[in-house]
Amino acid sequence: MHPATVPPSQPPPAPLSPAETLEKITQLLNHLLPSTLSITCFASRWQVLRSKLASLKSLLSEISDSPHWSENPLLPPLLPALLSTLRRTETLCHHCCDASFSRGKLLMQSDLDMAAGWLSKQINDLELLLRSGVLHQSTAIVLSRPNPSSSKEELTFFVKDLFARLQIGGLEFKRKALDSLIQLLSEDDKSATVVAKEGNVSCLISLLDLNAHDSIRELAVHAVSLLVSAGDLPRKSVFEEGALGPLLRLIEYSSVPVKEKAAMAVEFITADTDNAWAISAYGGVPILIELCKSGSVTAQSHAIGAIRNVSVVEDIRIALAEEGAVPVLMQLLISGSASAQGKAANCISILASTSEYFRNLLLKENGLQRLLNLFHDCPTADTLEHVLRAIYALSASDTSHRILSGSTQFIIQIAELIKHGNIRLQHVSASLLAKLSISDSNKIAIAGCMGSLVKLMESVKPEGMQEIGAKALMLLLSVKSNRKELVRDEKSLMRLVQMLDPKNEVVSKKFPVAVVAAIMAGGSQGCRKKLVTAGVCGHLQRLAEMDVTGAKKALQRLSGNRLTSIFSRTWRE
């Protein structure tokens, strides 16, 4: 027997070019649209399908009029799927026109609904491409990223193309688009506004889903974290598109790098007080507290930053107490990074300033002593400021007030900050000094900061600095030796005289007037002579005539009633 002859295998047909595929789609549509008019069964479903086919025909006509449509890498992959959908729809049309076809009614309804769904998705993709404008320009495979000098139009087109790739393209297109988006946001903060306005932020947020591909999700959360860090408008856009919930889920269930980026994004989103309330709605408080306990150093810093942001909301403060946030704050003061320590101290200052309940909670956890330990060995000026503000807030407690007032070491340190710290540290240090009840010996020990306090009385910013400087200075002037030392300091005395000058409108006159009254409280002849020689009397006379608070009394202390007219006449002459 001869072996059976095996027919040679046929080579697969050559794939159609995009132009050929579009032509076949157009031909099929031209045949299919009139064919559906004669179908009588499932009339409502075929009416929906006919409407979608008509929309599709209009879109394809518009696409074919775009000179560069075939060069766009996003469109050709859509056409074979669209051709397949139309062929399935044509088959359904034949079945519904064939009276002898015995397919089940429910099954046919399901098939028609599926066809309508496919067409809807494909029409949406085509509309997206047309709306973005990317089909009207030659885009090659990858657009070059705009540089900072690029026009707004170039940047807008680039952003629209990126988001078209995110919505329509496959995995590789999405990955490249996200890489480009991350580079754009990293290099140019201003581009974030264009992304928020022109890009589909909702699409970007959808890529945070736990079911998304790991590599895409990691890139998406990175892009979101950069976007929210770039300004109010991008942050608002991301929040309003519902990013907070997915970001919190990523903190719960993702890898360490994703947790860090997600926590960073949550911190920036909650920095806007209008957004902070939403943390409770998504069950975010225990998630953030857990991240503070067990997260990486970077994740801890962002998590405590978010907790600090939301602690301004009363309802969330209650949740923080119930979920055990206070012991976590205490632990971060001891073992956290410099950034986490500063944010934890900031959070403590917010909580302690709201109510006695929180002050007691913090003190029970040894909060004051831990803050003092950190204060004595603070790593950065920013952390030091937050620690001082937390100590100031806790000083509202009688117990804390006594401890701080009796600590010579602490008092000397804040005096040094008044002399050598930046303006914010000077402000909070002077505020603490003015609030405490310190001994005369400690007032003498820190007399060296009086010149700095006089200088602070000239400061317009921060608000309240002039009053705080005056109060702290008057506290130290309750000691006779300090009054004598201040008037011996020629620079400070001249500053005081200049502040009293009615022509000097920068300084509120009631503060230097009160300081003069404090200097003269003991009736020292030496102090009186120094002040008179410096020219204080003339300014006080003028201020008394202007009815400045305390000026008349200070003038009386300085000159005595019987000499007032003499000093006044001498000044005028």
Protein backbone atom coordinates (compact mmCIF):
# COMPACT_ATOMS: atom_id res chain seq x y z
CA MET A 1 0.00 0.00 0.00
CA HIS A 2 1.10 3.46 -0.77
CA PRO A 3 1.14 5.80 2.14
CA ALA A 4 -1.68 8.32 2.16
CA THR A 5 -0.79 11.51 0.42
CA VAL A 6 -0.74 14.43 2.86
CA PRO A 7 -1.90 17.64 1.22
CA PRO A 8 0.55 20.49 1.66
CA SER A 9 -0.38 22.91 4.44
CA GLN A 10 -1.72 26.27 3.30
CA PRO A 11 0.17 29.35 4.48
CA PRO A 12 -1.88 31.66 6.68
CA PRO A 13 -3.34 34.65 4.91
CA ALA A 14 -1.26 37.80 5.06
CA PRO A 15 -2.52 40.28 7.66
CA LEU A 16 -4.45 43.22 6.34
CA SER A 17 -2.89 46.66 6.38
CA PRO A 18 -4.67 49.35 8.46
CA ALA A 19 -6.00 50.95 5.28
CA GLU A 20 -7.36 47.61 4.04
CA THR A 21 -8.95 46.88 7.40
CA LEU A 22 -10.61 50.30 7.48
CA GLU A 23 -11.93 49.75 3.97
CA LYS A 24 -13.44 46.38 4.91
CA ILE A 25 -15.04 47.93 8.01
CA THR A 26 -16.55 50.68 5.90
CA GLN A 27 -17.92 48.19 3.38
CA LEU A 28 -19.40 46.04 6.12
CA LEU A 29 -21.04 49.04 7.74
CA ASN A 30 -22.55 50.17 4.44
CA HIS A 31 -24.11 46.72 4.05
CA LEU A 32 -25.09 46.19 7.67
CA LEU A 33 -26.91 49.47 8.35
CA PRO A 34 -29.69 49.04 5.76
CA SER A 35 -29.96 45.30 6.56
CA THR A 36 -30.98 46.01 10.15
CA LEU A 37 -33.99 48.04 9.04
CA SER A 38 -35.90 44.92 8.01
CA ILE A 39 -35.47 43.12 11.35
CA THR A 40 -38.74 42.88 13.29
CA CYS A 41 -37.74 40.78 16.30
CA PHE A 42 -35.94 42.33 19.28
CA ALA A 43 -36.79 45.72 17.78
CA SER A 44 -35.62 47.85 20.72
CA ARG A 45 -32.23 46.14 20.89
CA TRP A 46 -31.69 46.49 17.16
CA GLN A 47 -32.63 50.13 17.37
CA VAL A 48 -29.80 50.61 19.92
CA LEU A 49 -27.40 48.69 17.70
CA ARG A 50 -28.42 50.67 14.62
CA SER A 51 -27.77 53.92 16.47
CA LYS A 52 -24.29 52.72 17.47
CA LEU A 53 -23.53 51.58 13.92
CA ALA A 54 -24.52 55.01 12.60
CA SER A 55 -22.26 56.71 15.17
CA LEU A 56 -19.46 54.38 14.21
CA LYS A 57 -19.84 55.21 10.53
CA SER A 58 -19.65 58.93 11.28
CA LEU A 59 -16.52 58.47 13.42
CA LEU A 60 -14.76 56.36 10.79
CA SER A 61 -15.53 58.97 8.16
CA GLU A 62 -13.94 61.62 10.35
CA ILE A 63 -10.93 59.40 11.01
CA SER A 64 -10.34 58.73 7.33
CA ASP A 65 -10.30 62.50 6.74
CA SER A 66 -7.36 62.84 9.17
CA PRO A 67 -4.19 62.83 7.07
CA HIS A 68 -2.02 61.07 9.66
CA TRP A 69 -4.47 58.53 11.08
CA SER A 70 -2.51 55.51 9.84
CA GLU A 71 0.70 56.77 11.52
CA ASN A 72 -0.80 56.83 14.98
CA PRO A 73 0.23 53.68 16.90
CA LEU A 74 -3.02 53.56 18.90
CA LEU A 75 -5.52 53.28 16.07
CA PRO A 76 -4.35 50.26 13.99
CA PRO A 77 -4.69 47.78 16.91
CA LEU A 78 -8.32 48.89 17.35
CA LEU A 79 -9.38 48.17 13.78
CA PRO A 80 -9.13 44.33 13.73
CA ALA A 81 -11.18 44.10 16.94
CA LEU A 82 -13.75 46.46 15.46
CA LEU A 83 -13.95 44.39 12.25
CA SER A 84 -14.48 41.25 14.35
CA THR A 85 -17.32 42.92 16.29
CA LEU A 86 -19.05 43.99 13.07
CA ARG A 87 -18.79 40.47 11.63
CA ARG A 88 -20.41 39.06 14.78
CA THR A 89 -23.10 41.71 14.50
CA GLU A 90 -23.65 40.73 10.85
CA THR A 91 -24.08 37.10 11.88
CA LEU A 92 -26.67 38.12 14.48
CA CYS A 93 -28.46 40.13 11.80
CA HIS A 94 -28.67 37.06 9.56
CA HIS A 95 -30.01 34.93 12.41
CA CYS A 96 -32.71 37.45 13.29
CA CYS A 97 -33.79 37.73 9.66
CA ASP A 98 -33.99 33.91 9.29
CA ALA A 99 -37.43 32.76 10.41
CA SER A 100 -36.23 29.15 10.65
CA PHE A 101 -33.43 29.99 13.09
CA SER A 102 -34.30 28.32 16.40
CA ARG A 103 -31.83 29.87 18.86
CA GLY A 104 -33.23 30.57 22.34
CA LYS A 105 -34.73 33.99 22.94
CA LEU A 106 -32.75 34.72 26.12
CA LEU A 107 -29.51 33.67 24.50
CA MET A 108 -30.12 35.93 21.51
CA GLN A 109 -30.95 38.86 23.81
CA SER A 110 -27.68 38.26 25.64
CA ASP A 111 -25.72 38.15 22.36
CA LEU A 112 -27.28 41.40 21.16
CA ASP A 113 -26.52 43.12 24.46
CA MET A 114 -22.90 41.92 24.28
CA ALA A 115 -22.57 43.26 20.73
CA ALA A 116 -23.92 46.63 21.88
CA GLY A 117 -21.39 46.66 24.74
CA TRP A 118 -18.47 45.89 22.44
CA LEU A 119 -19.52 48.63 20.05
CA SER A 120 -19.90 51.12 22.90
CA LYS A 121 -16.36 50.41 24.12
CA GLN A 122 -14.87 50.69 20.64
CA ILE A 123 -16.82 53.86 19.82
CA ASN A 124 -15.59 55.38 23.09
CA ASP A 125 -11.97 54.61 22.16
CA LEU A 126 -12.38 56.17 18.72
CA GLU A 127 -14.05 59.26 20.17
CA LEU A 128 -11.20 59.60 22.63
CA LEU A 129 -8.64 59.56 19.85
CA LEU A 130 -10.56 62.17 17.87
CA ARG A 131 -11.19 64.45 20.86
CA SER A 132 -7.54 64.35 21.90
CA GLY A 133 -6.49 65.63 18.48
CA VAL A 134 -3.66 63.11 18.23
CA LEU A 135 -4.94 61.75 14.90
CA HIS A 136 -4.52 65.13 13.25
CA GLN A 137 -0.76 65.20 13.70
CA SER A 138 2.03 62.85 12.84
CA THR A 139 2.90 61.27 16.20
CA ALA A 140 5.31 58.49 15.22
CA ILE A 141 5.74 55.84 17.94
CA VAL A 142 6.75 57.94 20.95
CA LEU A 143 6.30 61.71 21.29
CA SER A 144 9.31 63.67 22.43
CA ARG A 145 8.78 65.13 25.89
CA PRO A 146 8.34 68.93 25.94
CA ASN A 147 11.06 70.93 27.66
CA PRO A 148 10.39 73.86 30.02
CA SER A 149 10.59 76.30 27.11
CA SER A 150 7.93 74.47 25.08
CA SER A 151 4.68 76.25 24.31
CA LYS A 152 1.50 75.50 26.21
CA GLU A 153 0.00 74.05 23.02
CA GLU A 154 2.87 71.57 22.68
CA LEU A 155 2.55 70.54 26.32
CA THR A 156 -1.23 70.16 26.04
CA PHE A 157 -0.91 67.95 22.95
CA PHE A 158 1.71 65.80 24.67
CA VAL A 159 -0.51 65.35 27.75
CA LYS A 160 -3.55 64.43 25.64
CA ASP A 161 -1.50 61.87 23.73
CA LEU A 162 -0.21 60.37 27.00
CA PHE A 163 -3.69 59.90 28.38
CA ALA A 164 -4.96 58.50 25.09
CA ARG A 165 -2.28 55.81 25.41
CA LEU A 166 -3.26 55.17 29.02
CA GLN A 167 -6.89 54.61 28.07
CA ILE A 168 -6.59 52.78 24.78
CA GLY A 169 -3.13 51.28 24.51
CA GLY A 170 -1.99 47.88 25.69
CA LEU A 171 0.32 47.14 28.61
CA GLU A 172 3.48 48.41 26.93
CA PHE A 173 1.80 51.61 25.74
CA LYS A 174 0.51 52.25 29.28
CA ARG A 175 3.92 51.61 30.80
CA LYS A 176 5.69 53.98 28.41
CA ALA A 177 3.00 56.62 28.86
CA LEU A 178 3.33 56.47 32.65
CA ASP A 179 7.12 56.65 32.43
CA SER A 180 6.82 59.79 30.31
CA LEU A 181 4.24 61.28 32.66
CA ILE A 182 6.48 60.67 35.69
CA GLN A 183 9.47 62.27 33.93
CA LEU A 184 7.36 65.26 32.89
CA LEU A 185 6.05 65.84 36.43
CA SER A 186 9.51 65.31 37.95
CA GLU A 187 11.18 67.86 35.70
CA ASP A 188 8.53 70.57 35.50
CA ASP A 189 6.09 71.31 38.36
CA LYS A 190 4.12 73.69 36.13
CA SER A 191 3.14 70.80 33.87
CA ALA A 192 0.98 69.38 36.69
CA THR A 193 -1.63 72.08 36.12
CA VAL A 194 -1.89 71.14 32.43
CA VAL A 195 -2.13 67.45 33.39
CA ALA A 196 -4.95 68.23 35.85
CA LYS A 197 -6.86 70.31 33.29
CA GLU A 198 -6.24 68.43 30.04
CA GLY A 199 -5.54 64.87 31.15
CA ASN A 200 -8.08 62.27 32.21
CA VAL A 201 -7.18 62.10 35.91
CA SER A 202 -9.99 59.60 36.47
CA CYS A 203 -8.22 57.17 34.13
CA LEU A 204 -4.98 57.58 36.10
CA ILE A 205 -6.80 56.89 39.37
CA SER A 206 -8.38 53.73 37.90
CA LEU A 207 -4.85 52.31 37.46
CA LEU A 208 -4.41 52.32 41.26
CA ASP A 209 -6.84 49.42 41.52
CA LEU A 210 -5.43 46.38 43.29
CA ASN A 211 -6.45 44.26 40.29
CA ALA A 212 -4.33 46.32 37.90
CA HIS A 213 -1.02 44.93 36.64
CA ASP A 214 1.69 45.34 39.32
CA SER A 215 4.09 47.36 37.16
CA ILE A 216 1.31 49.67 35.96
CA ARG A 217 -0.01 50.19 39.50
CA GLU A 218 3.48 51.07 40.81
CA LEU A 219 4.01 53.63 38.06
CA ALA A 220 0.50 55.04 38.51
CA VAL A 221 0.90 55.63 42.25
CA HIS A 222 4.25 57.32 41.58
CA ALA A 223 2.61 59.64 39.04
CA VAL A 224 -0.24 60.42 41.44
CA SER A 225 2.18 61.23 44.28
CA LEU A 226 4.06 63.66 42.02
CA LEU A 227 0.82 65.20 40.78
CA VAL A 228 -0.60 65.95 44.24
CA SER A 229 2.72 67.38 45.41
CA ALA A 230 2.73 69.98 42.63
CA GLY A 231 0.01 72.36 43.79
CA ASP A 232 -3.54 73.04 44.89
CA LEU A 233 -5.28 72.47 41.54
CA PRO A 234 -3.74 69.05 40.81
CA ARG A 235 -4.34 68.00 44.42
CA LYS A 236 -7.98 69.04 44.22
CA SER A 237 -8.43 67.24 40.90
CA VAL A 238 -6.96 63.98 42.22
CA PHE A 239 -9.06 64.13 45.39
CA GLU A 240 -12.31 64.87 43.54
CA GLU A 241 -11.70 61.91 41.25
CA GLY A 242 -11.78 59.64 44.31
CA ALA A 243 -8.11 58.78 44.77
CA LEU A 244 -8.08 58.70 48.58
CA GLY A 245 -9.83 55.33 48.94
CA PRO A 246 -7.61 53.45 46.44
CA LEU A 247 -4.48 55.01 47.97
CA LEU A 248 -5.43 53.81 51.45
CA ARG A 249 -6.07 50.30 50.09
CA LEU A 250 -2.59 50.35 48.55
CA ILE A 251 -1.12 51.26 51.95
CA GLU A 252 -2.83 48.20 53.40
CA TYR A 253 -2.00 45.57 50.81
CA SER A 254 0.92 46.64 48.60
CA SER A 255 4.70 46.37 48.54
CA VAL A 256 6.94 48.73 50.50
CA PRO A 257 7.74 51.09 47.56
CA VAL A 258 4.03 51.38 46.69
CA LYS A 259 3.10 51.97 50.35
CA GLU A 260 5.63 54.80 50.50
CA LYS A 261 4.34 56.54 47.37
CA ALA A 262 0.72 56.04 48.42
CA ALA A 263 1.40 57.44 51.89
CA MET A 264 3.16 60.42 50.33
CA ALA A 265 0.11 61.08 48.15
CA VAL A 266 -2.25 60.79 51.15
CA GLU A 267 -0.12 63.26 53.11
CA PHE A 268 -0.29 65.83 50.31
CA ILE A 269 -4.03 65.31 49.72
CA THR A 270 -4.86 65.75 53.42
CA ALA A 271 -2.71 68.90 53.60
CA ASP A 272 -5.83 70.61 52.23
CA THR A 273 -8.17 70.91 55.23
CA ASP A 274 -11.16 70.62 52.89
CA ASN A 275 -10.00 67.06 52.11
CA ALA A 276 -8.89 65.96 55.58
CA TRP A 277 -12.36 64.93 56.76
CA ALA A 278 -12.55 62.19 54.11
CA ILE A 279 -9.95 60.05 55.90
CA SER A 280 -12.65 58.84 58.31
CA ALA A 281 -15.05 58.09 55.46
CA TYR A 282 -12.52 55.64 54.01
CA GLY A 283 -11.52 54.13 57.36
CA GLY A 284 -8.07 55.66 57.03
CA VAL A 285 -7.20 56.43 60.66
CA PRO A 286 -6.30 52.85 61.75
CA ILE A 287 -4.51 52.28 58.42
CA LEU A 288 -2.26 55.31 58.97
CA ILE A 289 -1.62 54.43 62.61
CA GLU A 290 -0.61 50.89 61.65
CA LEU A 291 1.75 52.27 59.01
CA CYS A 292 3.36 54.45 61.70
CA LYS A 293 3.97 51.31 63.76
CA SER A 294 5.28 48.92 61.13
CA GLY A 295 6.08 50.89 57.96
CA SER A 296 9.45 51.80 56.53
CA VAL A 297 11.16 55.00 57.69
CA THR A 298 9.86 56.87 54.66
CA ALA A 299 6.34 55.47 54.99
CA GLN A 300 6.25 56.35 58.71
CA SER A 301 7.18 59.94 57.96
CA HIS A 302 4.39 60.35 55.40
CA ALA A 303 1.86 58.52 57.57
CA ILE A 304 2.49 60.70 60.62
CA GLY A 305 2.37 63.72 58.31
CA ALA A 306 -1.11 62.67 57.18
CA ILE A 307 -2.19 62.09 60.79
CA ARG A 308 -0.93 65.56 61.66
CA ASN A 309 -2.94 67.01 58.76
CA VAL A 310 -6.20 65.33 59.76
CA SER A 311 -5.80 66.07 63.48
CA VAL A 312 -7.24 69.53 62.84
CA VAL A 313 -10.67 67.91 62.35
CA GLU A 314 -12.48 67.41 65.67
CA ASP A 315 -14.22 64.15 64.77
CA ILE A 316 -10.95 62.67 63.55
CA ARG A 317 -9.16 63.70 66.75
CA ILE A 318 -11.62 61.56 68.67
CA ALA A 319 -10.92 58.64 66.34
CA LEU A 320 -7.16 59.15 66.80
CA ALA A 321 -7.57 58.88 70.58
CA GLU A 322 -9.77 55.78 70.30
CA GLU A 323 -7.38 54.04 67.88
CA GLY A 324 -4.36 54.59 70.16
CA ALA A 325 -2.55 57.29 68.21
CA VAL A 326 -1.00 58.96 71.29
CA PRO A 327 1.37 56.07 72.25
CA VAL A 328 2.40 55.87 68.59
CA LEU A 329 3.25 59.57 68.60
CA MET A 330 5.34 59.08 71.72
CA GLN A 331 7.24 56.21 70.14
CA LEU A 332 8.03 58.24 67.02
CA LEU A 333 9.47 61.00 69.21
CA ILE A 334 12.00 58.46 70.45
CA SER A 335 12.77 56.26 67.47
CA GLY A 336 11.44 58.06 64.38
CA SER A 337 13.51 59.78 61.72
CA ALA A 338 14.15 63.52 62.06
CA SER A 339 11.25 64.17 59.70
CA ALA A 340 8.89 61.85 61.60
CA GLN A 341 9.94 63.35 64.94
CA GLY A 342 9.14 66.85 63.72
CA LYS A 343 5.74 65.85 62.34
CA ALA A 344 4.90 63.90 65.50
CA ALA A 345 5.77 66.93 67.63
CA ASN A 346 3.68 69.11 65.33
CA CYS A 347 0.75 66.73 65.74
CA ILE A 348 1.18 66.78 69.53
CA SER A 349 1.08 70.58 69.52
CA ILE A 350 -2.20 70.51 67.58
CA LEU A 351 -3.77 67.94 69.89
CA ALA A 352 -2.50 69.57 73.09
CA SER A 353 -3.80 72.99 72.05
CA THR A 354 -7.37 71.73 71.53
CA SER A 355 -8.41 70.48 74.97
CA GLU A 356 -7.38 69.45 78.47
CA TYR A 357 -8.46 65.90 77.57
CA PHE A 358 -5.65 65.55 75.04
CA ARG A 359 -3.14 67.31 77.26
CA ASN A 360 -3.86 64.77 80.00
CA LEU A 361 -3.56 61.87 77.52
CA LEU A 362 -0.20 63.15 76.33
CA LEU A 363 1.10 63.78 79.84
CA LYS A 364 0.06 60.27 80.95
CA GLU A 365 2.31 58.93 78.18
CA ASN A 366 5.19 61.02 79.58
CA GLY A 367 4.85 63.40 76.64
CA LEU A 368 6.46 66.46 78.23
CA GLN A 369 9.60 64.63 79.32
CA ARG A 370 10.01 63.00 75.92
CA LEU A 371 9.63 66.38 74.22
CA LEU A 372 12.21 67.89 76.57
CA ASN A 373 14.62 65.03 75.85
CA LEU A 374 14.23 65.64 72.13
CA PHE A 375 14.53 69.41 72.64
CA HIS A 376 17.92 69.01 74.30
CA ASP A 377 19.20 66.99 71.32
CA CYS A 378 17.17 68.17 68.32
CA PRO A 379 18.47 67.18 64.87
CA THR A 380 17.09 70.09 62.80
CA ALA A 381 15.75 73.62 63.24
CA ASP A 382 12.34 72.59 61.85
CA THR A 383 12.03 69.72 64.33
CA LEU A 384 13.15 72.02 67.13
CA GLU A 385 10.41 74.51 66.24
CA HIS A 386 7.71 71.81 66.30
CA VAL A 387 9.01 70.45 69.61
CA LEU A 388 8.90 73.92 71.15
CA ARG A 389 5.37 74.51 69.91
CA ALA A 390 4.31 71.18 71.42
CA ILE A 391 5.94 72.12 74.74
CA TYR A 392 4.18 75.49 74.61
CA ALA A 393 0.81 73.77 74.05
CA LEU A 394 1.41 71.39 76.98
CA SER A 395 2.44 74.29 79.22
CA ALA A 396 -1.27 75.15 79.52
CA SER A 397 -1.35 72.31 82.06
CA ASP A 398 -0.54 73.46 85.62
CA THR A 399 1.81 70.52 86.12
CA SER A 400 3.72 71.24 82.92
CA HIS A 401 3.86 74.94 83.72
CA ARG A 402 5.50 74.25 87.09
CA ILE A 403 8.02 71.82 85.60
CA LEU A 404 9.03 74.19 82.81
CA SER A 405 9.17 77.27 85.06
CA GLY A 406 11.51 75.44 87.44
CA SER A 407 13.87 74.04 84.80
CA THR A 408 16.96 76.28 84.67
CA GLN A 409 18.43 74.25 81.82
CA PHE A 410 15.30 74.68 79.68
CA ILE A 411 15.05 78.41 80.42
CA ILE A 412 18.70 79.00 79.48
CA GLN A 413 18.22 77.06 76.25
CA ILE A 414 15.20 79.07 75.12
CA ALA A 415 17.10 82.26 75.97
CA GLU A 416 19.88 81.10 73.65
CA LEU A 417 17.34 80.50 70.90
CA ILE A 418 16.00 84.04 71.40
CA LYS A 419 19.55 85.28 70.82
CA HIS A 420 20.66 83.00 68.00
CA GLY A 421 17.65 81.14 66.52
CA ASN A 422 15.82 81.91 63.29
CA ILE A 423 12.81 84.22 63.47
CA ARG A 424 10.31 81.38 64.01
CA LEU A 425 12.37 79.87 66.83
CA GLN A 426 12.76 83.30 68.39
CA HIS A 427 8.99 83.81 68.27
CA VAL A 428 8.04 80.55 69.96
CA SER A 429 10.89 80.81 72.48
CA ALA A 430 9.88 84.33 73.47
CA SER A 431 6.25 83.16 73.71
CA LEU A 432 7.30 80.44 76.15
CA LEU A 433 9.45 82.81 78.16
CA ALA A 434 6.60 85.31 78.46
CA LYS A 435 4.25 82.58 79.65
CA LEU A 436 6.41 80.98 82.34
CA SER A 437 6.76 81.98 85.99
CA ILE A 438 10.51 81.89 86.46
CA SER A 439 12.61 82.76 89.49
CA ASP A 440 14.58 86.00 89.85
CA SER A 441 17.84 84.06 89.74
CA ASN A 442 16.90 82.57 86.38
CA LYS A 443 15.81 85.99 85.11
CA ILE A 444 19.26 87.29 85.96
CA ALA A 445 20.88 84.22 84.35
CA ILE A 446 19.26 84.96 80.98
CA ALA A 447 19.58 88.76 81.05
CA GLY A 448 21.81 88.47 78.00
CA CYS A 449 18.78 87.88 75.75
CA MET A 450 17.18 91.26 76.57
CA GLY A 451 18.87 93.00 73.63
CA SER A 452 17.44 90.39 71.28
CA LEU A 453 13.97 90.88 72.77
CA VAL A 454 14.20 94.62 72.14
CA LYS A 455 15.14 93.87 68.55
CA LEU A 456 12.19 91.50 68.23
CA MET A 457 9.89 94.34 69.24
CA GLU A 458 10.73 95.97 65.88
CA SER A 459 9.62 92.92 63.87
CA VAL A 460 6.40 93.17 61.88
CA LYS A 461 6.31 89.43 61.17
CA PRO A 462 5.35 86.94 62.39
CA GLU A 463 2.15 88.48 63.62
CA GLY A 464 2.22 89.23 67.34
CA MET A 465 6.00 89.32 67.58
CA GLN A 466 6.13 92.90 68.93
CA GLU A 467 3.74 92.07 71.77
CA ILE A 468 5.51 88.80 72.64
CA GLY A 469 8.92 90.50 72.65
CA ALA A 470 7.61 93.24 74.95
CA LYS A 471 5.94 90.77 77.35
CA ALA A 472 9.05 88.59 77.64
CA LEU A 473 11.22 91.67 78.13
CA MET A 474 8.98 93.09 80.85
CA LEU A 475 9.12 89.73 82.66
CA LEU A 476 12.91 90.04 82.89
CA LEU A 477 12.73 93.74 83.85
CA SER A 478 10.98 92.83 87.10
CA VAL A 479 14.55 92.33 88.46
CA LYS A 480 16.44 95.54 89.36
CA SER A 481 19.81 94.41 88.00
CA ASN A 482 18.23 93.61 84.63
CA ARG A 483 16.72 97.09 84.40
CA LYS A 484 20.13 98.64 84.97
CA GLU A 485 21.76 96.31 82.46
CA LEU A 486 19.27 97.15 79.74
CA VAL A 487 19.73 100.94 79.97
CA ARG A 488 23.53 100.43 79.92
CA ASP A 489 23.15 98.68 76.54
CA GLU A 490 23.37 101.67 74.20
CA LYS A 491 22.17 99.80 71.09
CA SER A 492 19.08 98.49 72.85
CA LEU A 493 18.38 101.88 74.41
CA MET A 494 18.61 103.64 71.04
CA ARG A 495 16.29 101.03 69.52
CA LEU A 496 13.79 101.69 72.31
CA VAL A 497 13.97 105.45 71.71
CA GLN A 498 13.46 104.99 67.95
CA MET A 499 10.41 102.81 68.63
CA LEU A 500 8.95 105.58 70.82
CA ASP A 501 9.36 108.18 68.06
CA PRO A 502 5.83 109.09 66.83
CA LYS A 503 7.21 109.25 63.27
CA ASN A 504 8.06 105.53 63.47
CA GLU A 505 4.84 103.90 62.28
CA VAL A 506 6.21 100.34 62.13
CA VAL A 507 5.99 99.66 65.86
CA SER A 508 2.83 99.92 67.96
CA LYS A 509 3.69 102.58 70.58
CA LYS A 510 2.01 100.85 73.52
CA PHE A 511 4.75 98.19 73.65
CA PRO A 512 7.86 100.42 74.01
CA VAL A 513 5.83 102.66 76.37
CA ALA A 514 5.12 99.62 78.58
CA VAL A 515 8.82 98.71 78.55
CA VAL A 516 9.78 102.21 79.70
CA ALA A 517 7.22 101.95 82.51
CA ALA A 518 8.72 98.57 83.50
CA ILE A 519 12.23 100.07 83.60
CA MET A 520 11.01 102.83 85.88
CA ALA A 521 8.97 100.52 88.12
CA GLY A 522 11.71 100.53 90.76
CA GLY A 523 12.26 104.31 90.62
CA SER A 524 16.01 103.97 89.91
CA GLN A 525 17.67 107.38 89.49
CA GLY A 526 20.38 105.83 87.32
CA CYS A 527 17.82 104.38 84.92
CA ARG A 528 15.89 107.67 84.89
CA LYS A 529 19.02 109.60 83.96
CA LYS A 530 19.90 107.22 81.11
CA LEU A 531 16.40 107.39 79.65
CA VAL A 532 16.20 111.18 79.90
CA THR A 533 19.62 111.63 78.32
CA ALA A 534 18.60 109.34 75.45
CA GLY A 535 15.59 111.57 74.69
CA VAL A 536 12.76 109.39 75.93
CA CYS A 537 10.89 112.24 77.64
CA GLY A 538 10.17 114.21 74.50
CA HIS A 539 8.69 111.21 72.71
CA LEU A 540 6.60 110.28 75.76
CA GLN A 541 5.27 113.85 75.99
CA ARG A 542 4.13 113.70 72.37
CA LEU A 543 2.64 110.23 72.84
CA ALA A 544 0.80 111.39 75.95
CA GLU A 545 -0.71 114.22 73.92
CA MET A 546 -1.79 111.59 71.36
CA ASP A 547 -3.46 109.61 74.17
CA VAL A 548 -1.31 106.52 73.59
CA THR A 549 -2.12 103.93 76.25
CA GLY A 550 0.24 104.17 79.23
CA ALA A 551 2.25 107.12 77.86
CA LYS A 552 1.08 109.64 80.47
CA LYS A 553 1.76 107.27 83.36
CA ALA A 554 5.20 106.37 82.00
CA LEU A 555 6.03 110.05 81.60
CA GLN A 556 4.99 110.72 85.20
CA ARG A 557 7.20 107.86 86.44
CA LEU A 558 10.12 109.09 84.41
CA SER A 559 9.95 112.83 85.19
CA GLY A 560 7.78 113.29 88.27
CA ASN A 561 4.70 115.51 88.13
CA ARG A 562 6.53 118.68 89.18
CA LEU A 563 9.12 118.30 86.40
CA THR A 564 6.80 117.35 83.58
CA SER A 565 6.30 120.92 82.37
CA ILE A 566 10.04 121.59 82.45
CA PHE A 567 10.85 118.52 80.32
CA SER A 568 8.01 119.38 77.98
CA ARG A 569 9.24 122.96 77.53
CA THR A 570 12.85 121.83 77.05
CA TRP A 571 11.78 119.34 74.36
CA ARG A 572 9.81 122.01 72.45
CA GLU A 573 12.70 124.48 72.63
